[in-house]
Amino acid sequence: MDKKKIGKKLALLRGNRTQKEVAQAIEVCQSTYSMYENGERIPSDEVKKRIAGYYKCSVQSIFYS
């Protein structure tokens, strides 16, 4: 799993929304979501599911392709 590649995908998916808005929707701290986008952390499996649900895509398409 390439953290930087995942971070770029998350930033692209976020579009015009703020990190705070997305973080609140998926129930993580804004600083945590920022670390995901900056390639500093990989979300847990549970958070991956919430992110995928929020963006209406599969976990596979965001984190494993």
PDB file of N, CA and C in Angstrom:
ATOM      1  N   MET A   1       0.835  -1.177   0.000  1.00  0.00           N
ATOM      2  CA  MET A   1       0.000   0.000   0.000  1.00  0.00           C
ATOM      3  C   MET A   1       0.887   1.250   0.000  1.00  0.00           C
ATOM      4  N   ASP A   2       0.699   2.097  -0.997  1.00  0.00           N
ATOM      5  CA  ASP A   2       1.491   3.319  -1.136  1.00  0.00           C
ATOM      6  C   ASP A   2       0.751   4.481  -0.467  1.00  0.00           C
ATOM      7  N   LYS A   3       1.254   4.915   0.686  1.00  0.00           N
ATOM      8  CA  LYS A   3       0.583   5.962   1.468  1.00  0.00           C
ATOM      9  C   LYS A   3       0.440   7.264   0.687  1.00  0.00           C
ATOM     10  N   LYS A   4       1.462   7.632  -0.067  1.00  0.00           N
ATOM     11  CA  LYS A   4       1.425   8.892  -0.832  1.00  0.00           C
ATOM     12  C   LYS A   4       0.372   8.819  -1.934  1.00  0.00           C
ATOM     13  N   LYS A   5       0.308   7.689  -2.615  1.00  0.00           N
ATOM     14  CA  LYS A   5      -0.676   7.502  -3.689  1.00  0.00           C
ATOM     15  C   LYS A   5      -2.098   7.555  -3.129  1.00  0.00           C
ATOM     16  N   ILE A   6      -2.318   6.919  -2.002  1.00  0.00           N
ATOM     17  CA  ILE A   6      -3.628   6.938  -1.352  1.00  0.00           C
ATOM     18  C   ILE A   6      -3.973   8.366  -0.943  1.00  0.00           C
ATOM     19  N   GLY A   7      -3.012   9.077  -0.388  1.00  0.00           N
ATOM     20  CA  GLY A   7      -3.234  10.466   0.017  1.00  0.00           C
ATOM     21  C   GLY A   7      -3.666  11.338  -1.147  1.00  0.00           C
ATOM     22  N   LYS A   8      -3.027  11.160  -2.299  1.00  0.00           N
ATOM     23  CA  LYS A   8      -3.397  11.937  -3.485  1.00  0.00           C
ATOM     24  C   LYS A   8      -4.813  11.599  -3.935  1.00  0.00           C
ATOM     25  N   LYS A   9      -5.183  10.324  -3.873  1.00  0.00           N
ATOM     26  CA  LYS A   9      -6.548   9.921  -4.235  1.00  0.00           C
ATOM     27  C   LYS A   9      -7.561  10.559  -3.302  1.00  0.00           C
ATOM     28  N   LEU A  10      -7.257  10.553  -2.003  1.00  0.00           N
ATOM     29  CA  LEU A  10      -8.182  11.140  -1.027  1.00  0.00           C
ATOM     30  C   LEU A  10      -8.343  12.639  -1.261  1.00  0.00           C
ATOM     31  N   ALA A  11      -7.247  13.330  -1.544  1.00  0.00           N
ATOM     32  CA  ALA A  11      -7.316  14.776  -1.800  1.00  0.00           C
ATOM     33  C   ALA A  11      -8.137  15.053  -3.057  1.00  0.00           C
ATOM     34  N   LEU A  12      -7.958  14.229  -4.073  1.00  0.00           N
ATOM     35  CA  LEU A  12      -8.719  14.380  -5.309  1.00  0.00           C
ATOM     36  C   LEU A  12     -10.208  14.135  -5.066  1.00  0.00           C
ATOM     37  N   LEU A  13     -10.516  13.087  -4.324  1.00  0.00           N
ATOM     38  CA  LEU A  13     -11.914  12.782  -4.011  1.00  0.00           C
ATOM     39  C   LEU A  13     -12.565  13.896  -3.190  1.00  0.00           C
ATOM     40  N   ARG A  14     -11.798  14.511  -2.309  1.00  0.00           N
ATOM     41  CA  ARG A  14     -12.337  15.555  -1.434  1.00  0.00           C
ATOM     42  C   ARG A  14     -12.814  16.757  -2.227  1.00  0.00           C
ATOM     43  N   GLY A  15     -12.117  17.065  -3.324  1.00  0.00           N
ATOM     44  CA  GLY A  15     -12.536  18.174  -4.177  1.00  0.00           C
ATOM     45  C   GLY A  15     -12.604  19.489  -3.428  1.00  0.00           C
ATOM     46  N   ASN A  16     -13.774  20.153  -3.454  1.00  0.00           N
ATOM     47  CA  ASN A  16     -13.940  21.469  -2.832  1.00  0.00           C
ATOM     48  C   ASN A  16     -14.337  21.414  -1.364  1.00  0.00           C
ATOM     49  N   ARG A  17     -14.539  20.224  -0.844  1.00  0.00           N
ATOM     50  CA  ARG A  17     -14.891  20.101   0.579  1.00  0.00           C
ATOM     51  C   ARG A  17     -13.655  20.397   1.424  1.00  0.00           C
ATOM     52  N   THR A  18     -13.874  20.802   2.662  1.00  0.00           N
ATOM     53  CA  THR A  18     -12.734  21.015   3.565  1.00  0.00           C
ATOM     54  C   THR A  18     -12.373  19.677   4.229  1.00  0.00           C
ATOM     55  N   GLN A  19     -11.137  19.598   4.683  1.00  0.00           N
ATOM     56  CA  GLN A  19     -10.725  18.399   5.415  1.00  0.00           C
ATOM     57  C   GLN A  19     -11.573  18.244   6.666  1.00  0.00           C
ATOM     58  N   LYS A  20     -11.898  19.359   7.311  1.00  0.00           N
ATOM     59  CA  LYS A  20     -12.700  19.314   8.533  1.00  0.00           C
ATOM     60  C   LYS A  20     -14.076  18.722   8.250  1.00  0.00           C
ATOM     61  N   GLU A  21     -14.687  19.120   7.155  1.00  0.00           N
ATOM     62  CA  GLU A  21     -16.008  18.619   6.780  1.00  0.00           C
ATOM     63  C   GLU A  21     -15.977  17.098   6.578  1.00  0.00           C
ATOM     64  N   VAL A  22     -14.979  16.627   5.844  1.00  0.00           N
ATOM     65  CA  VAL A  22     -14.860  15.185   5.588  1.00  0.00           C
ATOM     66  C   VAL A  22     -14.552  14.450   6.889  1.00  0.00           C
ATOM     67  N   ALA A  23     -13.631  14.988   7.668  1.00  0.00           N
ATOM     68  CA  ALA A  23     -13.246  14.346   8.929  1.00  0.00           C
ATOM     69  C   ALA A  23     -14.449  14.182   9.857  1.00  0.00           C
ATOM     70  N   GLN A  24     -15.263  15.224   9.957  1.00  0.00           N
ATOM     71  CA  GLN A  24     -16.459  15.139  10.810  1.00  0.00           C
ATOM     72  C   GLN A  24     -17.417  14.073  10.287  1.00  0.00           C
ATOM     73  N   ALA A  25     -17.575  14.010   8.969  1.00  0.00           N
ATOM     74  CA  ALA A  25     -18.504  13.043   8.372  1.00  0.00           C
ATOM     75  C   ALA A  25     -18.070  11.601   8.616  1.00  0.00           C
ATOM     76  N   ILE A  26     -16.757  11.365   8.624  1.00  0.00           N
ATOM     77  CA  ILE A  26     -16.271   9.995   8.825  1.00  0.00           C
ATOM     78  C   ILE A  26     -15.844   9.734  10.270  1.00  0.00           C
ATOM     79  N   GLU A  27     -16.074  10.728  11.122  1.00  0.00           N
ATOM     80  CA  GLU A  27     -15.841  10.601  12.563  1.00  0.00           C
ATOM     81  C   GLU A  27     -14.382  10.361  12.951  1.00  0.00           C
ATOM     82  N   VAL A  28     -13.498  11.201  12.378  1.00  0.00           N
ATOM     83  CA  VAL A  28     -12.095  11.238  12.809  1.00  0.00           C
ATOM     84  C   VAL A  28     -11.717  12.700  13.020  1.00  0.00           C
ATOM     85  N   CYS A  29     -10.602  12.949  13.688  1.00  0.00           N
ATOM     86  CA  CYS A  29     -10.111  14.311  13.872  1.00  0.00           C
ATOM     87  C   CYS A  29      -9.619  14.858  12.532  1.00  0.00           C
ATOM     88  N   GLN A  30      -9.721  16.162  12.372  1.00  0.00           N
ATOM     89  CA  GLN A  30      -9.235  16.782  11.138  1.00  0.00           C
ATOM     90  C   GLN A  30      -7.744  16.516  10.954  1.00  0.00           C
ATOM     91  N   SER A  31      -6.988  16.553  12.043  1.00  0.00           N
ATOM     92  CA  SER A  31      -5.548  16.308  11.946  1.00  0.00           C
ATOM     93  C   SER A  31      -5.256  14.886  11.474  1.00  0.00           C
ATOM     94  N   THR A  32      -6.086  13.951  11.880  1.00  0.00           N
ATOM     95  CA  THR A  32      -5.925  12.558  11.443  1.00  0.00           C
ATOM     96  C   THR A  32      -6.199  12.451   9.950  1.00  0.00           C
ATOM     97  N   TYR A  33      -7.289  13.077   9.502  1.00  0.00           N
ATOM     98  CA  TYR A  33      -7.611  13.029   8.070  1.00  0.00           C
ATOM     99  C   TYR A  33      -6.503  13.691   7.259  1.00  0.00           C
ATOM    100  N   SER A  34      -5.950  14.768   7.774  1.00  0.00           N
ATOM    101  CA  SER A  34      -4.843  15.450   7.105  1.00  0.00           C
ATOM    102  C   SER A  34      -3.653  14.499   6.934  1.00  0.00           C
ATOM    103  N   MET A  35      -3.380  13.708   7.955  1.00  0.00           N
ATOM    104  CA  MET A  35      -2.276  12.742   7.870  1.00  0.00           C
ATOM    105  C   MET A  35      -2.546  11.696   6.787  1.00  0.00           C
ATOM    106  N   TYR A  36      -3.807  11.300   6.622  1.00  0.00           N
ATOM    107  CA  TYR A  36      -4.147  10.355   5.545  1.00  0.00           C
ATOM    108  C   TYR A  36      -3.830  10.987   4.192  1.00  0.00           C
ATOM    109  N   GLU A  37      -4.250  12.231   3.996  1.00  0.00           N
ATOM    110  CA  GLU A  37      -4.028  12.910   2.710  1.00  0.00           C
ATOM    111  C   GLU A  37      -2.551  13.204   2.463  1.00  0.00           C
ATOM    112  N   ASN A  38      -1.797  13.437   3.517  1.00  0.00           N
ATOM    113  CA  ASN A  38      -0.367  13.731   3.362  1.00  0.00           C
ATOM    114  C   ASN A  38       0.493  12.473   3.273  1.00  0.00           C
ATOM    115  N   GLY A  39      -0.144  11.326   3.321  1.00  0.00           N
ATOM    116  CA  GLY A  39       0.597  10.073   3.203  1.00  0.00           C
ATOM    117  C   GLY A  39       1.384   9.714   4.445  1.00  0.00           C
ATOM    118  N   GLU A  40       0.971  10.237   5.595  1.00  0.00           N
ATOM    119  CA  GLU A  40       1.676   9.958   6.841  1.00  0.00           C
ATOM    120  C   GLU A  40       1.071   8.790   7.611  1.00  0.00           C
ATOM    121  N   ARG A  41      -0.187   8.467   7.319  1.00  0.00           N
ATOM    122  CA  ARG A  41      -0.880   7.368   8.004  1.00  0.00           C
ATOM    123  C   ARG A  41      -1.804   6.663   7.030  1.00  0.00           C
ATOM    124  N   ILE A  42      -2.071   5.401   7.332  1.00  0.00           N
ATOM    125  CA  ILE A  42      -3.082   4.623   6.611  1.00  0.00           C
ATOM    126  C   ILE A  42      -4.239   4.424   7.586  1.00  0.00           C
ATOM    127  N   PRO A  43      -5.465   4.673   7.133  1.00  0.00           N
ATOM    128  CA  PRO A  43      -6.601   4.485   8.050  1.00  0.00           C
ATOM    129  C   PRO A  43      -6.808   3.016   8.423  1.00  0.00           C
ATOM    130  N   SER A  44      -7.433   2.816   9.566  1.00  0.00           N
ATOM    131  CA  SER A  44      -7.807   1.450   9.970  1.00  0.00           C
ATOM    132  C   SER A  44      -8.852   0.924   8.992  1.00  0.00           C
ATOM    133  N   ASP A  45      -9.091  -0.376   9.031  1.00  0.00           N
ATOM    134  CA  ASP A  45     -10.074  -0.976   8.124  1.00  0.00           C
ATOM    135  C   ASP A  45     -11.455  -0.362   8.323  1.00  0.00           C
ATOM    136  N   GLU A  46     -11.825  -0.086   9.556  1.00  0.00           N
ATOM    137  CA  GLU A  46     -13.138   0.519   9.832  1.00  0.00           C
ATOM    138  C   GLU A  46     -13.237   1.911   9.208  1.00  0.00           C
ATOM    139  N   VAL A  47     -12.184   2.697   9.347  1.00  0.00           N
ATOM    140  CA  VAL A  47     -12.191   4.048   8.784  1.00  0.00           C
ATOM    141  C   VAL A  47     -12.159   3.982   7.257  1.00  0.00           C
ATOM    142  N   LYS A  48     -11.453   3.017   6.705  1.00  0.00           N
ATOM    143  CA  LYS A  48     -11.458   2.834   5.242  1.00  0.00           C
ATOM    144  C   LYS A  48     -12.883   2.638   4.742  1.00  0.00           C
ATOM    145  N   LYS A  49     -13.670   1.838   5.458  1.00  0.00           N
ATOM    146  CA  LYS A  49     -15.063   1.598   5.070  1.00  0.00           C
ATOM    147  C   LYS A  49     -15.874   2.889   5.135  1.00  0.00           C
ATOM    148  N   ARG A  50     -15.650   3.686   6.179  1.00  0.00           N
ATOM    149  CA  ARG A  50     -16.392   4.948   6.313  1.00  0.00           C
ATOM    150  C   ARG A  50     -16.005   5.936   5.216  1.00  0.00           C
ATOM    151  N   ILE A  51     -14.717   5.985   4.879  1.00  0.00           N
ATOM    152  CA  ILE A  51     -14.257   6.865   3.802  1.00  0.00           C
ATOM    153  C   ILE A  51     -14.891   6.436   2.474  1.00  0.00           C
ATOM    154  N   ALA A  52     -14.834   5.153   2.191  1.00  0.00           N
ATOM    155  CA  ALA A  52     -15.410   4.644   0.942  1.00  0.00           C
ATOM    156  C   ALA A  52     -16.907   4.929   0.879  1.00  0.00           C
ATOM    157  N   GLY A  53     -17.607   4.747   1.988  1.00  0.00           N
ATOM    158  CA  GLY A  53     -19.036   5.045   2.029  1.00  0.00           C
ATOM    159  C   GLY A  53     -19.315   6.518   1.801  1.00  0.00           C
ATOM    160  N   TYR A  54     -18.505   7.361   2.401  1.00  0.00           N
ATOM    161  CA  TYR A  54     -18.675   8.810   2.255  1.00  0.00           C
ATOM    162  C   TYR A  54     -18.514   9.222   0.799  1.00  0.00           C
ATOM    163  N   TYR A  55     -17.509   8.679   0.129  1.00  0.00           N
ATOM    164  CA  TYR A  55     -17.239   9.042  -1.262  1.00  0.00           C
ATOM    165  C   TYR A  55     -18.003   8.170  -2.264  1.00  0.00           C
ATOM    166  N   LYS A  56     -18.792   7.238  -1.746  1.00  0.00           N
ATOM    167  CA  LYS A  56     -19.592   6.341  -2.589  1.00  0.00           C
ATOM    168  C   LYS A  56     -18.735   5.583  -3.602  1.00  0.00           C
ATOM    169  N   CYS A  57     -17.608   5.049  -3.104  1.00  0.00           N
ATOM    170  CA  CYS A  57     -16.747   4.186  -3.917  1.00  0.00           C
ATOM    171  C   CYS A  57     -16.382   2.973  -3.084  1.00  0.00           C
ATOM    172  N   SER A  58     -15.684   2.064  -3.709  1.00  0.00           N
ATOM    173  CA  SER A  58     -15.274   0.859  -2.976  1.00  0.00           C
ATOM    174  C   SER A  58     -13.960   1.104  -2.241  1.00  0.00           C
ATOM    175  N   VAL A  59     -13.772   0.359  -1.169  1.00  0.00           N
ATOM    176  CA  VAL A  59     -12.495   0.402  -0.443  1.00  0.00           C
ATOM    177  C   VAL A  59     -11.374   0.018  -1.407  1.00  0.00           C
ATOM    178  N   GLN A  60     -11.633  -0.983  -2.225  1.00  0.00           N
ATOM    179  CA  GLN A  60     -10.640  -1.468  -3.194  1.00  0.00           C
ATOM    180  C   GLN A  60     -10.169  -0.340  -4.119  1.00  0.00           C
ATOM    181  N   SER A  61     -11.103   0.440  -4.650  1.00  0.00           N
ATOM    182  CA  SER A  61     -10.721   1.476  -5.624  1.00  0.00           C
ATOM    183  C   SER A  61      -9.890   2.589  -5.000  1.00  0.00           C
ATOM    184  N   ILE A  62     -10.098   2.866  -3.732  1.00  0.00           N
ATOM    185  CA  ILE A  62      -9.334   3.925  -3.081  1.00  0.00           C
ATOM    186  C   ILE A  62      -7.991   3.429  -2.562  1.00  0.00           C
ATOM    187  N   PHE A  63      -8.005   2.291  -1.903  1.00  0.00           N
ATOM    188  CA  PHE A  63      -6.813   1.869  -1.153  1.00  0.00           C
ATOM    189  C   PHE A  63      -5.984   0.766  -1.795  1.00  0.00           C
ATOM    190  N   TYR A  64      -6.519   0.045  -2.756  1.00  0.00           N
ATOM    191  CA  TYR A  64      -5.787  -1.112  -3.285  1.00  0.00           C
ATOM    192  C   TYR A  64      -5.610  -1.126  -4.791  1.00  0.00           C
ATOM    193  N   SER A  65      -5.857  -0.014  -5.465  1.00  0.00           N
ATOM    194  CA  SER A  65      -5.651  -0.041  -6.924  1.00  0.00           C
ATOM    195  C   SER A  65      -4.715   1.053  -7.372  1.00  0.00           C
TER     196      SER A  65
END
